[in-house]
Protein backbone atom coordinates (compact mmCIF):
# COMPACT_ATOMS: atom_id res chain seq x y z
CA UNK A 1 0.03 0.09 -0.17
CA UNK A 2 1.74 3.07 -0.88
CA UNK A 3 1.50 6.42 0.82
CA UNK A 4 -0.95 8.98 -0.95
CA UNK A 5 0.81 12.46 -0.68
CA UNK A 6 -1.80 14.73 1.05
CA UNK A 7 -3.16 17.67 -0.80
CA UNK A 8 -2.22 20.96 -0.22
CA UNK A 9 -4.98 22.22 2.15
CA UNK A 10 -4.56 25.72 1.91
CA UNK A 11 -6.19 26.16 5.46
CA UNK A 12 -4.93 26.89 8.71
CA UNK A 13 -3.77 24.69 11.74
CA UNK A 14 -7.27 23.96 13.36
CA UNK A 15 -5.15 23.02 16.51
CA UNK A 16 -4.29 26.54 16.79
CA UNK A 17 -7.86 28.21 16.41
CA UNK A 18 -9.10 28.20 19.87
CA UNK A 19 -7.91 29.59 23.47
CA UNK A 20 -8.52 28.02 26.48
CA UNK A 21 -10.96 30.35 27.58
CA UNK A 22 -13.59 29.51 24.39
CA UNK A 23 -12.61 25.61 24.91
CA UNK A 24 -13.83 25.59 28.73
CA UNK A 25 -17.49 26.89 27.04
CA UNK A 26 -17.99 23.09 25.63
CA UNK A 27 -20.13 20.80 27.74
CA UNK A 28 -18.76 17.40 26.23
CA UNK A 29 -17.10 14.71 28.70
CA UNK A 30 -13.61 16.21 28.23
CA UNK A 31 -14.43 19.38 29.71
CA UNK A 32 -17.05 18.57 32.25
CA UNK A 33 -15.65 15.92 33.82
CA UNK A 34 -13.16 17.32 35.86
CA UNK A 35 -13.22 20.92 37.73
CA UNK A 36 -12.15 23.71 36.11
CA UNK A 37 -8.54 23.81 37.33
CA UNK A 38 -7.79 21.03 35.71
CA UNK A 39 -6.26 21.02 32.39
CA UNK A 40 -7.94 18.13 30.31
CA UNK A 41 -5.60 15.93 28.06
CA UNK A 42 -7.41 12.66 28.18
CA UNK A 43 -10.28 11.50 26.38
CA UNK A 44 -10.42 11.65 22.77
CA UNK A 45 -11.75 14.92 21.82
CA UNK A 46 -9.93 16.95 19.69
CA UNK A 47 -9.70 21.01 20.51
CA UNK A 48 -10.49 22.23 17.13
CA UNK A 49 -13.28 23.96 15.66
CA UNK A 50 -15.33 21.76 13.18
CA UNK A 51 -14.62 21.80 9.32
CA UNK A 52 -16.30 24.11 7.42
CA UNK A 53 -18.11 21.68 5.14
CA UNK A 54 -19.27 19.92 8.06
CA UNK A 55 -20.87 22.69 9.92
CA UNK A 56 -22.33 23.84 6.56
CA UNK A 57 -23.90 20.34 5.78
CA UNK A 58 -25.75 19.98 9.12
CA UNK A 59 -26.92 23.33 9.62
CA UNK A 60 -28.31 22.85 6.30
CA UNK A 61 -30.03 19.65 7.03
CA UNK A 62 -31.35 21.23 10.23
CA UNK A 63 -32.97 24.37 8.39
CA UNK A 64 -34.51 22.01 5.99
CA UNK A 65 -35.89 19.94 8.92
CA UNK A 66 -33.99 16.85 7.48
CA UNK A 67 -33.84 14.96 10.75
CA UNK A 68 -35.32 11.77 10.25
CA UNK A 69 -34.04 8.30 9.58
CA UNK A 70 -30.46 7.77 7.68
CA UNK A 71 -31.20 6.09 4.31
CA UNK A 72 -28.81 5.51 1.26
CA UNK A 73 -25.43 4.64 0.53
CA UNK A 74 -24.16 7.97 0.45
CA UNK A 75 -21.80 7.63 3.20
CA UNK A 76 -20.51 4.33 2.30
CA UNK A 77 -19.75 5.90 -1.28
CA UNK A 78 -17.86 8.82 0.24
CA UNK A 79 -15.74 6.69 2.28
CA UNK A 80 -15.03 4.22 -0.62
CA UNK A 81 -13.89 7.61 -2.35
CA UNK A 82 -11.89 8.55 0.18
CA UNK A 83 -10.33 5.34 0.54
CA UNK A 84 -9.29 4.91 -3.06
CA UNK A 85 -7.71 8.59 -2.79
CA UNK A 86 -6.04 8.26 0.49
CA UNK A 87 -5.02 4.98 0.61
CA UNK A 88 -4.86 3.70 -3.24
CA UNK A 89 -7.53 1.33 -2.19
CA UNK A 90 -10.57 0.78 -4.45
CA UNK A 91 -12.21 -2.13 -2.20
CA UNK A 92 -15.37 -0.60 -0.60
CA UNK A 93 -18.32 -1.94 -2.46
CA UNK A 94 -21.40 -0.02 -1.02
CA UNK A 95 -23.44 -3.32 -1.33
CA UNK A 96 -20.99 -4.90 1.36
CA UNK A 97 -21.36 -2.01 4.00
CA UNK A 98 -23.72 -1.32 6.38
CA UNK A 99 -24.63 1.84 8.81
CA UNK A 100 -24.10 1.26 12.50
CA UNK A 101 -24.61 3.66 15.57
CA UNK A 102 -20.61 3.85 16.28
CA UNK A 103 -17.54 1.65 15.57
CA UNK A 104 -17.81 -0.03 19.30
CA UNK A 105 -21.48 -0.84 18.92
CA UNK A 106 -20.39 -1.80 15.29
CA UNK A 107 -17.85 -4.27 16.65
CA UNK A 108 -20.13 -5.53 19.06
CA UNK A 109 -22.78 -6.63 16.49
CA UNK A 110 -19.99 -8.03 14.14
CA UNK A 111 -18.72 -9.95 17.15
CA UNK A 112 -22.22 -11.26 17.91
CA UNK A 113 -22.36 -12.67 14.25
CA UNK A 114 -19.25 -14.35 14.35
CA UNK A 115 -19.14 -16.03 17.83
CA UNK A 116 -21.17 -17.25 20.61
CA UNK A 117 -21.80 -16.51 24.31
CA UNK A 118 -18.96 -17.70 26.30
CA UNK A 119 -16.78 -17.49 22.95
CA UNK A 120 -13.08 -16.11 23.50
CA UNK A 121 -12.41 -12.67 21.74
CA UNK A 122 -8.14 -12.10 21.37
CA UNK A 123 -7.03 -8.52 21.76
CA UNK A 124 -3.50 -7.16 21.75
CA UNK A 125 -3.03 -5.19 25.10
CA UNK A 126 -2.69 -2.70 25.89
CA UNK A 127 -5.46 -1.69 24.27
CA UNK A 128 -8.65 0.67 24.17
CA UNK A 129 -10.26 0.28 27.49
CA UNK A 130 -14.05 -0.26 25.94
CA UNK A 131 -12.57 -3.41 24.07
CA UNK A 132 -12.36 -5.23 27.52
CA UNK A 133 -15.88 -3.62 28.73
CA UNK A 134 -17.83 -4.22 25.83
CA UNK A 135 -17.00 -7.67 25.28
CA UNK A 136 -17.35 -8.79 28.58
CA UNK A 137 -21.02 -7.12 28.73
CA UNK A 138 -21.72 -8.99 25.71
CA UNK A 139 -20.83 -12.41 27.68
CA UNK A 140 -17.67 -13.32 25.86
CA UNK A 141 -14.64 -13.69 27.28
CA UNK A 142 -11.49 -11.44 26.72
CA UNK A 143 -8.15 -13.38 26.11
CA UNK A 144 -4.96 -10.89 25.87
CA UNK A 145 -2.21 -11.50 23.41
CA UNK A 146 0.42 -8.66 24.71
CA UNK A 147 2.28 -6.45 22.11
CA UNK A 148 5.87 -7.07 22.22
CA UNK A 149 8.51 -4.73 23.45
CA UNK A 150 8.23 -2.47 20.52
CA UNK A 151 4.65 -2.05 20.84
CA UNK A 152 4.00 -4.28 17.56
CA UNK A 153 1.97 -7.40 17.41
CA UNK A 154 4.04 -10.79 17.83
CA UNK A 155 2.93 -13.02 15.58
CA UNK A 156 4.62 -16.18 17.20
CA UNK A 157 2.63 -14.93 20.18
CA UNK A 158 -0.48 -14.61 18.35
CA UNK A 159 -0.44 -18.01 16.49
CA UNK A 160 0.24 -19.73 19.78
CA UNK A 161 -3.01 -17.58 21.33
CA UNK A 162 -5.03 -18.49 18.15
CA UNK A 163 -4.00 -22.41 18.32
CA UNK A 164 -4.83 -22.09 22.16
CA UNK A 165 -8.36 -20.56 21.87
CA UNK A 166 -9.69 -22.86 19.13
CA UNK A 167 -7.91 -25.86 20.54
CA UNK A 168 -11.40 -27.44 21.51
CA UNK A 169 -13.07 -26.84 18.44
CA UNK A 170 -15.35 -23.74 19.27
CA UNK A 171 -15.48 -20.37 17.57
CA UNK A 172 -13.45 -17.53 18.24
CA UNK A 173 -12.74 -13.87 17.08
CA UNK A 174 -9.75 -11.31 16.97
CA UNK A 175 -10.60 -7.70 17.45
CA UNK A 176 -7.71 -6.07 15.95
CA UNK A 177 -7.27 -2.45 16.64
CA UNK A 178 -5.76 -0.54 13.55
CA UNK A 179 -3.90 2.15 13.93
CA UNK A 180 -3.44 0.95 17.56
CA UNK A 181 -4.85 2.78 20.25
CA UNK A 182 -2.94 3.65 22.77
CA UNK A 183 0.52 3.04 20.95
CA UNK A 184 -0.26 4.79 17.78
CA UNK A 185 1.40 2.02 15.88
CA UNK A 186 0.86 1.61 12.18
CA UNK A 187 0.30 -2.20 11.46
CA UNK A 188 2.31 -2.85 8.00
CA UNK A 189 0.94 -4.65 5.05
CA UNK A 190 3.29 -7.62 5.96
CA UNK A 191 2.12 -7.54 9.55
CA UNK A 192 -1.67 -7.75 8.28
CA UNK A 193 -1.39 -10.19 6.28
CA UNK A 194 0.21 -12.73 8.55
CA UNK A 195 -2.72 -11.89 10.74
CA UNK A 196 -4.90 -12.73 8.04
CA UNK A 197 -3.40 -16.24 7.39
CA UNK A 198 -3.29 -17.16 11.04
CA UNK A 199 -6.67 -16.12 11.21
CA UNK A 200 -7.51 -18.47 8.15
CA UNK A 201 -5.39 -21.16 9.39
CA UNK A 202 -7.08 -21.53 12.94
CA UNK A 203 -10.61 -20.44 11.86
CA UNK A 204 -10.57 -17.33 13.92
CA UNK A 205 -12.72 -14.11 12.25
CA UNK A 206 -10.98 -10.97 12.39
CA UNK A 207 -13.08 -7.71 13.28
CA UNK A 208 -10.93 -4.66 12.86
CA UNK A 209 -11.69 -1.51 14.21
CA UNK A 210 -10.17 0.89 12.03
CA UNK A 211 -11.61 4.44 13.51
CA UNK A 212 -8.13 6.29 13.69
CA UNK A 213 -7.47 5.13 9.97
CA UNK A 214 -7.70 9.09 8.63
CA UNK A 215 -5.08 10.26 11.41
CA UNK A 216 -1.94 9.30 10.07
CA UNK A 217 1.44 11.08 10.10
CA UNK A 218 2.13 13.17 6.52
CA UNK A 219 4.54 10.39 4.72
CA UNK A 220 2.93 7.22 6.56
CA UNK A 221 0.61 4.95 5.01
CA UNK A 222 -2.41 2.97 6.49
CA UNK A 223 -2.93 -0.16 5.45
CA UNK A 224 -6.71 -1.17 5.49
CA UNK A 225 -6.96 -4.95 7.11
CA UNK A 226 -9.40 -6.13 4.39
CA UNK A 227 -6.82 -4.65 1.44
CA UNK A 228 -4.47 -7.31 2.38
CA UNK A 229 -4.18 -11.02 1.06
CA UNK A 230 -6.32 -13.29 3.10
CA UNK A 231 -8.39 -11.14 4.48
CA UNK A 232 -11.70 -11.80 2.69
CA UNK A 233 -13.48 -13.08 5.63
CA UNK A 234 -12.71 -10.16 7.52
CA UNK A 235 -14.87 -7.49 9.03
CA UNK A 236 -13.97 -3.94 9.20
CA UNK A 237 -15.36 -0.86 11.11
CA UNK A 238 -14.58 2.63 9.83
CA UNK A 239 -15.98 6.19 10.84
CA UNK A 240 -15.02 9.96 10.18
CA UNK A 241 -15.44 10.23 13.88
CA UNK A 242 -11.69 10.57 15.13
CA UNK A 243 -10.42 12.12 12.01
CA UNK A 244 -12.87 15.25 11.82
CA UNK A 245 -13.88 15.01 15.99
CA UNK A 246 -17.44 14.09 15.63
CA UNK A 247 -17.86 11.50 18.33
CA UNK A 248 -21.03 13.24 19.55
CA UNK A 249 -22.45 13.11 16.06
CA UNK A 250 -22.97 9.22 15.48
CA UNK A 251 -22.50 7.15 12.40
CA UNK A 252 -20.38 4.41 11.40
CA UNK A 253 -19.71 1.86 8.58
CA UNK A 254 -19.03 -2.04 8.94
CA UNK A 255 -17.35 -3.22 5.74
CA UNK A 256 -17.34 -6.75 4.97
CA UNK A 257 -14.59 -8.63 2.71
CA UNK A 258 -15.94 -10.81 0.02
CA UNK A 259 -15.91 -13.26 2.08
CA UNK A 260 -18.34 -12.09 4.87
CA UNK A 261 -21.39 -10.60 3.06
CA UNK A 262 -23.11 -13.67 4.26
CA UNK A 263 -22.39 -12.31 7.63
CA UNK A 264 -23.44 -9.04 7.32
CA UNK A 265 -26.63 -10.35 5.21
CA UNK A 266 -27.67 -11.80 9.20
CA UNK A 267 -27.38 -8.00 10.82
CA UNK A 268 -30.83 -7.55 12.16
CA UNK A 269 -32.26 -4.10 10.09
CA UNK A 270 -33.16 -2.30 13.18
CA UNK A 271 -29.05 -1.92 14.05
CA UNK A 272 -28.87 0.72 11.51
CA UNK A 273 -31.63 2.81 13.32
CA UNK A 274 -29.10 3.68 15.83
CA UNK A 275 -27.29 5.85 13.90
CA UNK A 276 -28.13 9.29 13.54
CA UNK A 277 -29.12 10.85 10.41
CA UNK A 278 -27.21 13.75 10.91
CA UNK A 279 -24.34 12.09 12.01
CA UNK A 280 -24.31 10.54 8.31
CA UNK A 281 -24.99 13.85 6.71
CA UNK A 282 -21.48 15.21 8.92
CA UNK A 283 -19.33 12.06 8.09
CA UNK A 284 -20.33 12.08 4.90
CA UNK A 285 -19.62 15.79 4.23
CA UNK A 286 -16.24 15.44 6.39
CA UNK A 287 -14.97 12.37 3.78
CA UNK A 288 -16.34 14.33 0.52
CA UNK A 289 -15.64 18.02 1.19
CA UNK A 290 -13.30 18.26 4.09
CA UNK A 291 -10.26 16.70 3.53
CA UNK A 292 -8.56 19.70 3.21
CA UNK A 293 -9.25 20.57 6.82
CA UNK A 294 -7.76 17.13 7.47
CA UNK A 295 -4.65 17.85 5.90
CA UNK A 296 -4.12 20.90 7.58
CA UNK A 297 -4.68 19.01 10.96
CA UNK A 298 -2.05 16.13 10.39
CA UNK A 299 0.82 18.33 10.19
CA UNK A 300 -0.04 19.94 13.64
CA UNK A 301 -0.55 16.59 15.19
CA UNK A 302 2.83 15.55 14.05
CA UNK A 303 4.47 18.93 15.35
CA UNK A 304 3.10 18.46 18.65
CA UNK A 305 4.29 15.01 18.85
CA UNK A 306 7.94 16.40 18.21
CA UNK A 307 7.15 19.12 20.51
CA UNK A 308 5.88 16.78 23.45
CA UNK A 309 9.08 14.68 22.73
CA UNK A 310 11.13 17.73 23.33
CA UNK A 311 9.56 18.89 26.36
CA UNK A 312 9.62 15.81 27.90
CA UNK A 313 13.45 15.39 27.62
CA UNK A 314 13.85 19.03 29.24
CA UNK A 315 11.37 18.83 31.95
CA UNK A 316 10.57 15.14 32.68
CA UNK A 317 13.56 13.14 30.54
CA UNK A 318 12.80 9.76 33.13
CA UNK A 319 9.24 9.61 30.73
CA UNK A 320 9.69 7.34 27.79
CA UNK A 321 7.50 8.46 24.81
CA UNK A 322 6.48 5.76 22.20
CA UNK A 323 7.01 7.11 18.87
CA UNK A 324 3.67 6.76 17.26
CA UNK A 325 2.62 7.36 13.89
CA UNK A 326 -0.72 7.11 14.04
CA UNK A 327 -3.74 8.69 16.09
CA UNK A 328 -3.50 12.12 17.97
CA UNK A 329 -2.82 10.02 21.04
CA UNK A 330 0.96 9.79 23.09
CA UNK A 331 1.51 6.44 24.78
CA UNK A 332 3.87 7.27 27.97
CA UNK A 333 5.98 5.15 30.20
CA UNK A 334 5.87 6.71 33.51
CA UNK A 335 7.53 3.88 35.46
CA UNK A 336 10.90 5.54 36.21
CA UNK A 337 9.17 8.18 38.13
CA UNK A 338 8.30 6.26 41.11
CA UNK A 339 4.54 7.05 40.73
CA UNK A 340 3.19 3.34 41.14
CA UNK A 341 0.73 1.52 38.87
CA UNK A 342 -1.59 4.47 38.25
CA UNK A 343 0.68 7.97 37.82
CA UNK A 344 -2.27 9.48 36.14
CA UNK A 345 -4.26 9.67 39.46
CA UNK A 346 -1.11 11.31 41.10
CA UNK A 347 -0.59 13.68 38.06
CA UNK A 348 -4.18 14.78 38.61
CA UNK A 349 -4.31 15.38 42.35
CA UNK A 350 -1.04 17.12 42.33
CA UNK A 351 -0.20 18.53 39.05
CA UNK A 352 -4.24 19.45 38.05
CA UNK A 353 -3.47 17.87 34.81
CA UNK A 354 -5.92 14.82 33.79
CA UNK A 355 -4.34 12.16 31.44
CA UNK A 356 -5.93 8.46 30.99
CA UNK A 357 -4.41 6.01 33.36
CA UNK A 358 -3.03 3.02 31.56
CA UNK A 359 -4.35 0.75 34.04
CA UNK A 360 -7.61 0.08 32.18
CA UNK A 361 -5.88 -0.84 28.81
CA UNK A 362 -5.12 -4.03 30.59
CA UNK A 363 -1.77 -5.89 30.66
CA UNK A 364 1.12 -3.51 29.78
CA UNK A 365 -0.91 -0.29 31.18
CA UNK A 366 0.39 -0.22 34.32
CA UNK A 367 2.99 2.74 35.08
CA UNK A 368 1.94 4.14 31.83
CA UNK A 369 -0.54 7.30 30.80
CA UNK A 370 -2.17 8.33 27.60
CA UNK A 371 -1.94 11.58 26.46
CA UNK A 372 -3.95 13.59 23.84
CA UNK A 373 -1.70 15.50 21.47
CA UNK A 374 -5.08 17.22 19.55
CA UNK A 375 -4.65 20.71 21.37
CA UNK A 376 -2.93 23.80 20.89
CA UNK A 377 1.06 23.97 21.34
CA UNK A 378 0.67 26.06 24.16
CA UNK A 379 -2.21 23.97 26.30
CA UNK A 380 0.35 20.84 25.64
CA UNK A 381 3.03 22.90 26.83
CA UNK A 382 1.13 23.90 30.08
CA UNK A 383 0.26 20.31 30.44
CA UNK A 384 3.68 18.95 30.82
CA UNK A 385 4.52 21.86 32.74
CA UNK A 386 2.23 20.48 35.23
CA UNK A 387 3.19 16.86 34.75
CA UNK A 388 6.75 18.03 36.06
CA UNK A 389 5.48 20.17 38.78
CA UNK A 390 3.50 17.38 40.30
CA UNK A 391 6.90 15.66 41.03
CA UNK A 392 8.38 18.55 43.05
């Protein structure tokens, strides 16, 4: 999969558009979970204004009273065009897609189609905490296959895990996080093809959460799981949510590989009713008309990643930053600070900066925190200053 050059956006970096005073007027989880003296750098919400084409599409729909139920394949067609242009992948066929409320609820529906109660679902820890919560809530069993020391999937370990969970002849699934949250790791085409081969060999069904796919460093390449050889029976979940900050305007798509179309045919019709029509409109507009906005955002995220590395080297040299190439998240190893298994708690109490605790990310999360890079350089700098102050 080749890296497609980004367009010349002709737009300012949206990360530099909003100051803290305006951001604190927001009423979402990021800004209302903690008291006002806390600087929030935790949950995956970006400190950006929305892309103008998205705002225009939603406000036009509201003005028209177009607030009914979603219909049609416009969202899928927009994603297909984006995938072809951005990832050089013409593999999305609208007839092999379905609208779902969001990526995690879509993943739950897909896991429900390919596994039964009590069946194992393999995940690569440390990984996005809702993987554990949703899998357990749907009466499946989480089986961890930890990432290796370089924060990559270990094929030998994954094969042993697949062999073990299928030894009794039962069904099993693998919930792949690609790009990986919290590490920002981009899986290569070779790695994904190896995963597909192992899944076919052991009869494990792959469900890929690819929600962070648009958020990739300039010059790096995201590889869709369904684009690699052997992934024909895979299922993917995609959305414009993370790339354009649309988490509160819910809509996502399931994409079935050519060998998984029959699975998608068994998806209950009512699942598609859970998505917001305004969400579908917003996500479609983002994919079709706001790629320039995205191309202005991505260098800003990468600049913040470099800024964070420099700030940590200066103020917190004992903290190790994993060098991710995707997402707007940073995975920080704080074990050398001597703050115990949950440094986020101490940094919040003493420094008044909110980071995501590593503990809910599973094995490998103790002593770590996740930091949200999608903010202004000034806020990021203040966040690190507060982290350092907490150690004095």
